[in-house]
Amino acid sequence: MLTEHYSYFSHRECEYFPCHPGADPENFNCLFCYCPLYLLGPRCGGSFTLLPDGRKDCGGCLYPHRREGYGEIVRRYGEIAGAMPKE
């Protein structure tokens, strides 16, 4: 019987928890601490702003941190792999 406990992890003892201002600490998934969708740029699906130097600022985005976000991100791993540079 699958429990899916692997799809949610909340690291409450992290000195940055929760790392996004205004996030609900009761529903904050730390599993994707570094968002695997970042490299998709504007196709990531999250809410971000662009800094003057062109980098993404994801400070206001909770897409990878929502409890139900695990399945959405895992389904996009093919897209993530396709966006990685080929050597």
PDB file of N, CA and C in Angstrom:
ATOM      1  N   MET A   1       0.843  -1.187   0.000  1.00  0.00           N
ATOM      2  CA  MET A   1       0.000   0.000   0.000  1.00  0.00           C
ATOM      3  C   MET A   1       0.893   1.257   0.000  1.00  0.00           C
ATOM      4  N   LEU A   2       0.750   2.067  -1.011  1.00  0.00           N
ATOM      5  CA  LEU A   2       1.533   3.292  -1.087  1.00  0.00           C
ATOM      6  C   LEU A   2       0.911   4.382  -0.218  1.00  0.00           C
ATOM      7  N   THR A   3       1.756   5.046   0.542  1.00  0.00           N
ATOM      8  CA  THR A   3       1.276   6.123   1.402  1.00  0.00           C
ATOM      9  C   THR A   3       1.552   7.494   0.816  1.00  0.00           C
ATOM     10  N   GLU A   4       2.540   7.576  -0.062  1.00  0.00           N
ATOM     11  CA  GLU A   4       2.982   8.825  -0.677  1.00  0.00           C
ATOM     12  C   GLU A   4       3.593   9.804   0.324  1.00  0.00           C
ATOM     13  N   HIS A   5       4.094   9.285   1.448  1.00  0.00           N
ATOM     14  CA  HIS A   5       4.800  10.152   2.393  1.00  0.00           C
ATOM     15  C   HIS A   5       6.057  10.739   1.765  1.00  0.00           C
ATOM     16  N   TYR A   6       6.603  10.078   0.757  1.00  0.00           N
ATOM     17  CA  TYR A   6       7.807  10.543   0.069  1.00  0.00           C
ATOM     18  C   TYR A   6       7.580  11.857  -0.675  1.00  0.00           C
ATOM     19  N   SER A   7       6.335  12.228  -0.893  1.00  0.00           N
ATOM     20  CA  SER A   7       6.048  13.402  -1.724  1.00  0.00           C
ATOM     21  C   SER A   7       5.931  14.701  -0.930  1.00  0.00           C
ATOM     22  N   TYR A   8       6.150  14.630   0.379  1.00  0.00           N
ATOM     23  CA  TYR A   8       6.038  15.836   1.194  1.00  0.00           C
ATOM     24  C   TYR A   8       7.043  15.769   2.332  1.00  0.00           C
ATOM     25  N   PHE A   9       7.794  16.845   2.513  1.00  0.00           N
ATOM     26  CA  PHE A   9       8.765  16.944   3.593  1.00  0.00           C
ATOM     27  C   PHE A   9       8.813  18.388   4.058  1.00  0.00           C
ATOM     28  N   SER A  10       8.670  18.605   5.337  1.00  0.00           N
ATOM     29  CA  SER A  10       8.703  19.945   5.892  1.00  0.00           C
ATOM     30  C   SER A  10       9.839  20.021   6.913  1.00  0.00           C
ATOM     31  N   HIS A  11      10.873  20.780   6.597  1.00  0.00           N
ATOM     32  CA  HIS A  11      12.066  20.879   7.452  1.00  0.00           C
ATOM     33  C   HIS A  11      11.943  22.099   8.364  1.00  0.00           C
ATOM     34  N   ARG A  12      11.160  21.958   9.383  1.00  0.00           N
ATOM     35  CA  ARG A  12      10.847  23.073  10.279  1.00  0.00           C
ATOM     36  C   ARG A  12      12.054  23.587  11.061  1.00  0.00           C
ATOM     37  N   GLU A  13      13.106  22.804  11.174  1.00  0.00           N
ATOM     38  CA  GLU A  13      14.277  23.241  11.927  1.00  0.00           C
ATOM     39  C   GLU A  13      15.278  24.001  11.049  1.00  0.00           C
ATOM     40  N   CYS A  14      14.997  24.104   9.765  1.00  0.00           N
ATOM     41  CA  CYS A  14      15.853  24.879   8.872  1.00  0.00           C
ATOM     42  C   CYS A  14      15.793  26.356   9.285  1.00  0.00           C
ATOM     43  N   GLU A  15      16.947  26.997   9.311  1.00  0.00           N
ATOM     44  CA  GLU A  15      16.989  28.403   9.728  1.00  0.00           C
ATOM     45  C   GLU A  15      16.256  29.330   8.758  1.00  0.00           C
ATOM     46  N   TYR A  16      15.914  28.842   7.584  1.00  0.00           N
ATOM     47  CA  TYR A  16      15.192  29.661   6.601  1.00  0.00           C
ATOM     48  C   TYR A  16      13.705  29.317   6.513  1.00  0.00           C
ATOM     49  N   PHE A  17      13.248  28.360   7.295  1.00  0.00           N
ATOM     50  CA  PHE A  17      11.864  27.877   7.189  1.00  0.00           C
ATOM     51  C   PHE A  17      10.866  28.900   7.699  1.00  0.00           C
ATOM     52  N   PRO A  18       9.767  29.113   6.979  1.00  0.00           N
ATOM     53  CA  PRO A  18       9.619  28.888   5.541  1.00  0.00           C
ATOM     54  C   PRO A  18      10.374  29.967   4.794  1.00  0.00           C
ATOM     55  N   CYS A  19      10.999  29.601   3.720  1.00  0.00           N
ATOM     56  CA  CYS A  19      11.901  30.504   3.004  1.00  0.00           C
ATOM     57  C   CYS A  19      11.193  31.535   2.134  1.00  0.00           C
ATOM     58  N   HIS A  20       9.895  31.416   1.994  1.00  0.00           N
ATOM     59  CA  HIS A  20       9.138  32.386   1.196  1.00  0.00           C
ATOM     60  C   HIS A  20       8.225  33.186   2.108  1.00  0.00           C
ATOM     61  N   PRO A  21       8.325  34.517   2.077  1.00  0.00           N
ATOM     62  CA  PRO A  21       7.480  35.355   2.932  1.00  0.00           C
ATOM     63  C   PRO A  21       5.994  35.101   2.669  1.00  0.00           C
ATOM     64  N   GLY A  22       5.233  35.001   3.722  1.00  0.00           N
ATOM     65  CA  GLY A  22       3.790  34.816   3.595  1.00  0.00           C
ATOM     66  C   GLY A  22       3.359  33.385   3.374  1.00  0.00           C
ATOM     67  N   ALA A  23       4.290  32.445   3.308  1.00  0.00           N
ATOM     68  CA  ALA A  23       3.936  31.038   3.087  1.00  0.00           C
ATOM     69  C   ALA A  23       3.309  30.452   4.343  1.00  0.00           C
ATOM     70  N   ASP A  24       2.389  29.526   4.143  1.00  0.00           N
ATOM     71  CA  ASP A  24       1.737  28.830   5.243  1.00  0.00           C
ATOM     72  C   ASP A  24       2.666  27.735   5.749  1.00  0.00           C
ATOM     73  N   PRO A  25       3.216  27.852   6.961  1.00  0.00           N
ATOM     74  CA  PRO A  25       4.149  26.840   7.453  1.00  0.00           C
ATOM     75  C   PRO A  25       3.511  25.463   7.635  1.00  0.00           C
ATOM     76  N   GLU A  26       2.196  25.403   7.729  1.00  0.00           N
ATOM     77  CA  GLU A  26       1.503  24.118   7.876  1.00  0.00           C
ATOM     78  C   GLU A  26       1.354  23.388   6.541  1.00  0.00           C
ATOM     79  N   ASN A  27       1.588  24.082   5.447  1.00  0.00           N
ATOM     80  CA  ASN A  27       1.436  23.499   4.120  1.00  0.00           C
ATOM     81  C   ASN A  27       2.619  23.910   3.242  1.00  0.00           C
ATOM     82  N   PHE A  28       3.832  23.688   3.757  1.00  0.00           N
ATOM     83  CA  PHE A  28       5.029  24.112   3.033  1.00  0.00           C
ATOM     84  C   PHE A  28       5.925  22.907   2.806  1.00  0.00           C
ATOM     85  N   ASN A  29       6.076  22.521   1.544  1.00  0.00           N
ATOM     86  CA  ASN A  29       6.869  21.363   1.171  1.00  0.00           C
ATOM     87  C   ASN A  29       8.300  21.799   0.853  1.00  0.00           C
ATOM     88  N   CYS A  30       9.252  21.267   1.612  1.00  0.00           N
ATOM     89  CA  CYS A  30      10.671  21.595   1.412  1.00  0.00           C
ATOM     90  C   CYS A  30      11.365  20.607   0.482  1.00  0.00           C
ATOM     91  N   LEU A  31      10.652  19.634  -0.035  1.00  0.00           N
ATOM     92  CA  LEU A  31      11.255  18.597  -0.862  1.00  0.00           C
ATOM     93  C   LEU A  31      12.006  19.184  -2.056  1.00  0.00           C
ATOM     94  N   PHE A  32      11.437  20.196  -2.685  1.00  0.00           N
ATOM     95  CA  PHE A  32      12.098  20.858  -3.812  1.00  0.00           C
ATOM     96  C   PHE A  32      12.659  22.196  -3.333  1.00  0.00           C
ATOM     97  N   CYS A  33      13.585  22.129  -2.408  1.00  0.00           N
ATOM     98  CA  CYS A  33      14.189  23.340  -1.848  1.00  0.00           C
ATOM     99  C   CYS A  33      14.727  24.214  -2.973  1.00  0.00           C
ATOM    100  N   TYR A  34      15.428  23.592  -3.909  1.00  0.00           N
ATOM    101  CA  TYR A  34      15.861  24.280  -5.126  1.00  0.00           C
ATOM    102  C   TYR A  34      14.952  23.795  -6.242  1.00  0.00           C
ATOM    103  N   CYS A  35      14.226  24.686  -6.814  1.00  0.00           N
ATOM    104  CA  CYS A  35      13.186  24.318  -7.770  1.00  0.00           C
ATOM    105  C   CYS A  35      13.761  23.694  -9.047  1.00  0.00           C
ATOM    106  N   PRO A  36      13.362  22.477  -9.379  1.00  0.00           N
ATOM    107  CA  PRO A  36      13.846  21.847 -10.602  1.00  0.00           C
ATOM    108  C   PRO A  36      13.270  22.497 -11.865  1.00  0.00           C
ATOM    109  N   LEU A  37      12.261  23.338 -11.714  1.00  0.00           N
ATOM    110  CA  LEU A  37      11.644  23.998 -12.864  1.00  0.00           C
ATOM    111  C   LEU A  37      12.339  25.311 -13.235  1.00  0.00           C
ATOM    112  N   TYR A  38      13.261  25.759 -12.405  1.00  0.00           N
ATOM    113  CA  TYR A  38      13.927  27.049 -12.635  1.00  0.00           C
ATOM    114  C   TYR A  38      14.521  27.144 -14.036  1.00  0.00           C
ATOM    115  N   LEU A  39      15.168  26.092 -14.479  1.00  0.00           N
ATOM    116  CA  LEU A  39      15.852  26.152 -15.776  1.00  0.00           C
ATOM    117  C   LEU A  39      14.900  26.222 -16.962  1.00  0.00           C
ATOM    118  N   LEU A  40      13.609  26.057 -16.720  1.00  0.00           N
ATOM    119  CA  LEU A  40      12.642  26.176 -17.813  1.00  0.00           C
ATOM    120  C   LEU A  40      12.329  27.635 -18.141  1.00  0.00           C
ATOM    121  N   GLY A  41      12.910  28.539 -17.366  1.00  0.00           N
ATOM    122  CA  GLY A  41      12.698  29.965 -17.617  1.00  0.00           C
ATOM    123  C   GLY A  41      11.231  30.338 -17.507  1.00  0.00           C
ATOM    124  N   PRO A  42      10.714  31.092 -18.463  1.00  0.00           N
ATOM    125  CA  PRO A  42       9.331  31.559 -18.381  1.00  0.00           C
ATOM    126  C   PRO A  42       8.298  30.436 -18.513  1.00  0.00           C
ATOM    127  N   ARG A  43       8.720  29.237 -18.919  1.00  0.00           N
ATOM    128  CA  ARG A  43       7.786  28.107 -19.049  1.00  0.00           C
ATOM    129  C   ARG A  43       7.644  27.313 -17.746  1.00  0.00           C
ATOM    130  N   CYS A  44       8.231  27.797 -16.650  1.00  0.00           N
ATOM    131  CA  CYS A  44       8.243  27.030 -15.405  1.00  0.00           C
ATOM    132  C   CYS A  44       6.848  26.832 -14.818  1.00  0.00           C
ATOM    133  N   GLY A  45       5.965  27.770 -15.040  1.00  0.00           N
ATOM    134  CA  GLY A  45       4.610  27.655 -14.494  1.00  0.00           C
ATOM    135  C   GLY A  45       4.418  28.356 -13.165  1.00  0.00           C
ATOM    136  N   GLY A  46       5.483  28.908 -12.612  1.00  0.00           N
ATOM    137  CA  GLY A  46       5.387  29.607 -11.333  1.00  0.00           C
ATOM    138  C   GLY A  46       5.282  31.108 -11.516  1.00  0.00           C
ATOM    139  N   SER A  47       5.108  31.788 -10.403  1.00  0.00           N
ATOM    140  CA  SER A  47       5.031  33.257 -10.459  1.00  0.00           C
ATOM    141  C   SER A  47       6.397  33.815 -10.061  1.00  0.00           C
ATOM    142  N   PHE A  48       7.035  34.487 -10.979  1.00  0.00           N
ATOM    143  CA  PHE A  48       8.364  35.039 -10.763  1.00  0.00           C
ATOM    144  C   PHE A  48       8.437  36.416 -11.394  1.00  0.00           C
ATOM    145  N   THR A  49       9.491  37.136 -11.046  1.00  0.00           N
ATOM    146  CA  THR A  49       9.790  38.396 -11.710  1.00  0.00           C
ATOM    147  C   THR A  49      11.206  38.293 -12.251  1.00  0.00           C
ATOM    148  N   LEU A  50      11.508  39.099 -13.241  1.00  0.00           N
ATOM    149  CA  LEU A  50      12.857  39.136 -13.789  1.00  0.00           C
ATOM    150  C   LEU A  50      13.617  40.312 -13.188  1.00  0.00           C
ATOM    151  N   LEU A  51      14.823  40.036 -12.748  1.00  0.00           N
ATOM    152  CA  LEU A  51      15.691  41.079 -12.219  1.00  0.00           C
ATOM    153  C   LEU A  51      16.322  41.832 -13.385  1.00  0.00           C
ATOM    154  N   PRO A  52      16.839  43.031 -13.147  1.00  0.00           N
ATOM    155  CA  PRO A  52      17.447  43.807 -14.241  1.00  0.00           C
ATOM    156  C   PRO A  52      18.536  43.048 -15.001  1.00  0.00           C
ATOM    157  N   ASP A  53      19.227  42.141 -14.341  1.00  0.00           N
ATOM    158  CA  ASP A  53      20.289  41.394 -15.023  1.00  0.00           C
ATOM    159  C   ASP A  53      19.774  40.148 -15.746  1.00  0.00           C
ATOM    160  N   GLY A  54      18.446  39.941 -15.746  1.00  0.00           N
ATOM    161  CA  GLY A  54      17.850  38.838 -16.483  1.00  0.00           C
ATOM    162  C   GLY A  54      17.596  37.577 -15.665  1.00  0.00           C
ATOM    163  N   ARG A  55      18.094  37.516 -14.431  1.00  0.00           N
ATOM    164  CA  ARG A  55      17.839  36.346 -13.592  1.00  0.00           C
ATOM    165  C   ARG A  55      16.411  36.366 -13.071  1.00  0.00           C
ATOM    166  N   LYS A  56      15.903  35.180 -12.782  1.00  0.00           N
ATOM    167  CA  LYS A  56      14.563  35.062 -12.223  1.00  0.00           C
ATOM    168  C   LYS A  56      14.605  35.267 -10.715  1.00  0.00           C
ATOM    169  N   ASP A  57      13.628  35.980 -10.193  1.00  0.00           N
ATOM    170  CA  ASP A  57      13.448  36.116  -8.751  1.00  0.00           C
ATOM    171  C   ASP A  57      12.186  35.333  -8.407  1.00  0.00           C
ATOM    172  N   CYS A  58      12.359  34.210  -7.745  1.00  0.00           N
ATOM    173  CA  CYS A  58      11.251  33.308  -7.429  1.00  0.00           C
ATOM    174  C   CYS A  58      10.790  33.454  -5.986  1.00  0.00           C
ATOM    175  N   GLY A  59      11.188  34.536  -5.328  1.00  0.00           N
ATOM    176  CA  GLY A  59      10.858  34.738  -3.923  1.00  0.00           C
ATOM    177  C   GLY A  59       9.366  34.729  -3.626  1.00  0.00           C
ATOM    178  N   GLY A  60       8.541  35.103  -4.580  1.00  0.00           N
ATOM    179  CA  GLY A  60       7.102  35.130  -4.365  1.00  0.00           C
ATOM    180  C   GLY A  60       6.384  33.890  -4.873  1.00  0.00           C
ATOM    181  N   CYS A  61       7.126  32.896  -5.318  1.00  0.00           N
ATOM    182  CA  CYS A  61       6.518  31.705  -5.917  1.00  0.00           C
ATOM    183  C   CYS A  61       6.447  30.553  -4.922  1.00  0.00           C
ATOM    184  N   LEU A  62       5.301  29.937  -4.835  1.00  0.00           N
ATOM    185  CA  LEU A  62       5.124  28.774  -3.960  1.00  0.00           C
ATOM    186  C   LEU A  62       4.811  27.504  -4.745  1.00  0.00           C
ATOM    187  N   TYR A  63       4.889  27.563  -6.059  1.00  0.00           N
ATOM    188  CA  TYR A  63       4.530  26.431  -6.911  1.00  0.00           C
ATOM    189  C   TYR A  63       5.190  25.114  -6.486  1.00  0.00           C
ATOM    190  N   PRO A  64       6.517  25.059  -6.299  1.00  0.00           N
ATOM    191  CA  PRO A  64       7.117  23.776  -5.917  1.00  0.00           C
ATOM    192  C   PRO A  64       6.929  23.436  -4.445  1.00  0.00           C
ATOM    193  N   HIS A  65       6.416  24.368  -3.662  1.00  0.00           N
ATOM    194  CA  HIS A  65       6.296  24.164  -2.217  1.00  0.00           C
ATOM    195  C   HIS A  65       4.886  23.807  -1.753  1.00  0.00           C
ATOM    196  N   ARG A  66       3.947  23.786  -2.673  1.00  0.00           N
ATOM    197  CA  ARG A  66       2.593  23.378  -2.296  1.00  0.00           C
ATOM    198  C   ARG A  66       2.576  21.875  -2.048  1.00  0.00           C
ATOM    199  N   ARG A  67       1.797  21.442  -1.109  1.00  0.00           N
ATOM    200  CA  ARG A  67       1.702  20.020  -0.763  1.00  0.00           C
ATOM    201  C   ARG A  67       1.364  19.176  -1.988  1.00  0.00           C
ATOM    202  N   GLU A  68       0.484  19.658  -2.851  1.00  0.00           N
ATOM    203  CA  GLU A  68       0.050  18.889  -4.021  1.00  0.00           C
ATOM    204  C   GLU A  68       0.969  19.073  -5.229  1.00  0.00           C
ATOM    205  N   GLY A  69       2.039  19.860  -5.091  1.00  0.00           N
ATOM    206  CA  GLY A  69       2.909  20.159  -6.219  1.00  0.00           C
ATOM    207  C   GLY A  69       3.828  19.033  -6.658  1.00  0.00           C
ATOM    208  N   TYR A  70       4.057  18.030  -5.825  1.00  0.00           N
ATOM    209  CA  TYR A  70       4.990  16.958  -6.143  1.00  0.00           C
ATOM    210  C   TYR A  70       4.657  16.301  -7.479  1.00  0.00           C
ATOM    211  N   GLY A  71       3.440  15.847  -7.642  1.00  0.00           N
ATOM    212  CA  GLY A  71       3.033  15.157  -8.868  1.00  0.00           C
ATOM    213  C   GLY A  71       3.167  16.037 -10.096  1.00  0.00           C
ATOM    214  N   GLU A  72       2.833  17.306  -9.958  1.00  0.00           N
ATOM    215  CA  GLU A  72       2.934  18.236 -11.080  1.00  0.00           C
ATOM    216  C   GLU A  72       4.385  18.370 -11.544  1.00  0.00           C
ATOM    217  N   ILE A  73       5.306  18.459 -10.605  1.00  0.00           N
ATOM    218  CA  ILE A  73       6.713  18.614 -10.956  1.00  0.00           C
ATOM    219  C   ILE A  73       7.274  17.319 -11.539  1.00  0.00           C
ATOM    220  N   VAL A  74       6.975  16.198 -10.930  1.00  0.00           N
ATOM    221  CA  VAL A  74       7.482  14.910 -11.419  1.00  0.00           C
ATOM    222  C   VAL A  74       6.998  14.647 -12.845  1.00  0.00           C
ATOM    223  N   ARG A  75       5.766  15.019 -13.149  1.00  0.00           N
ATOM    224  CA  ARG A  75       5.242  14.833 -14.507  1.00  0.00           C
ATOM    225  C   ARG A  75       6.023  15.658 -15.530  1.00  0.00           C
ATOM    226  N   ARG A  76       6.718  16.682 -15.086  1.00  0.00           N
ATOM    227  CA  ARG A  76       7.442  17.562 -16.011  1.00  0.00           C
ATOM    228  C   ARG A  76       8.926  17.229 -16.114  1.00  0.00           C
ATOM    229  N   TYR A  77       9.367  16.127 -15.521  1.00  0.00           N
ATOM    230  CA  TYR A  77      10.786  15.786 -15.562  1.00  0.00           C
ATOM    231  C   TYR A  77      11.304  15.582 -16.979  1.00  0.00           C
ATOM    232  N   GLY A  78      10.512  15.088 -17.884  1.00  0.00           N
ATOM    233  CA  GLY A  78      10.939  14.952 -19.279  1.00  0.00           C
ATOM    234  C   GLY A  78      11.237  16.308 -19.891  1.00  0.00           C
ATOM    235  N   GLU A  79      10.400  17.272 -19.602  1.00  0.00           N
ATOM    236  CA  GLU A  79      10.595  18.646 -20.094  1.00  0.00           C
ATOM    237  C   GLU A  79      11.857  19.259 -19.475  1.00  0.00           C
ATOM    238  N   ILE A  80      12.084  18.986 -18.194  1.00  0.00           N
ATOM    239  CA  ILE A  80      13.271  19.481 -17.500  1.00  0.00           C
ATOM    240  C   ILE A  80      14.528  18.863 -18.124  1.00  0.00           C
ATOM    241  N   ALA A  81      14.509  17.556 -18.341  1.00  0.00           N
ATOM    242  CA  ALA A  81      15.668  16.873 -18.937  1.00  0.00           C
ATOM    243  C   ALA A  81      15.933  17.414 -20.340  1.00  0.00           C
ATOM    244  N   GLY A  82      14.887  17.695 -21.103  1.00  0.00           N
ATOM    245  CA  GLY A  82      15.048  18.217 -22.453  1.00  0.00           C
ATOM    246  C   GLY A  82      15.645  19.614 -22.487  1.00  0.00           C
ATOM    247  N   ALA A  83      15.473  20.366 -21.407  1.00  0.00           N
ATOM    248  CA  ALA A  83      15.989  21.740 -21.351  1.00  0.00           C
ATOM    249  C   ALA A  83      17.445  21.798 -20.903  1.00  0.00           C
ATOM    250  N   MET A  84      17.967  20.698 -20.404  1.00  0.00           N
ATOM    251  CA  MET A  84      19.355  20.699 -19.929  1.00  0.00           C
ATOM    252  C   MET A  84      20.308  20.662 -21.115  1.00  0.00           C
ATOM    253  N   PRO A  85      21.442  21.344 -20.974  1.00  0.00           N
ATOM    254  CA  PRO A  85      22.421  21.358 -22.071  1.00  0.00           C
ATOM    255  C   PRO A  85      22.946  19.958 -22.368  1.00  0.00           C
ATOM    256  N   LYS A  86      23.142  19.690 -23.609  1.00  0.00           N
ATOM    257  CA  LYS A  86      23.697  18.412 -24.041  1.00  0.00           C
ATOM    258  C   LYS A  86      25.200  18.591 -24.237  1.00  0.00           C
ATOM    259  N   GLU A  87      25.977  17.669 -23.709  1.00  0.00           N
ATOM    260  CA  GLU A  87      27.436  17.771 -23.867  1.00  0.00           C
ATOM    261  C   GLU A  87      27.940  16.720 -24.814  1.00  0.00           C
TER     262      GLU A  87
END
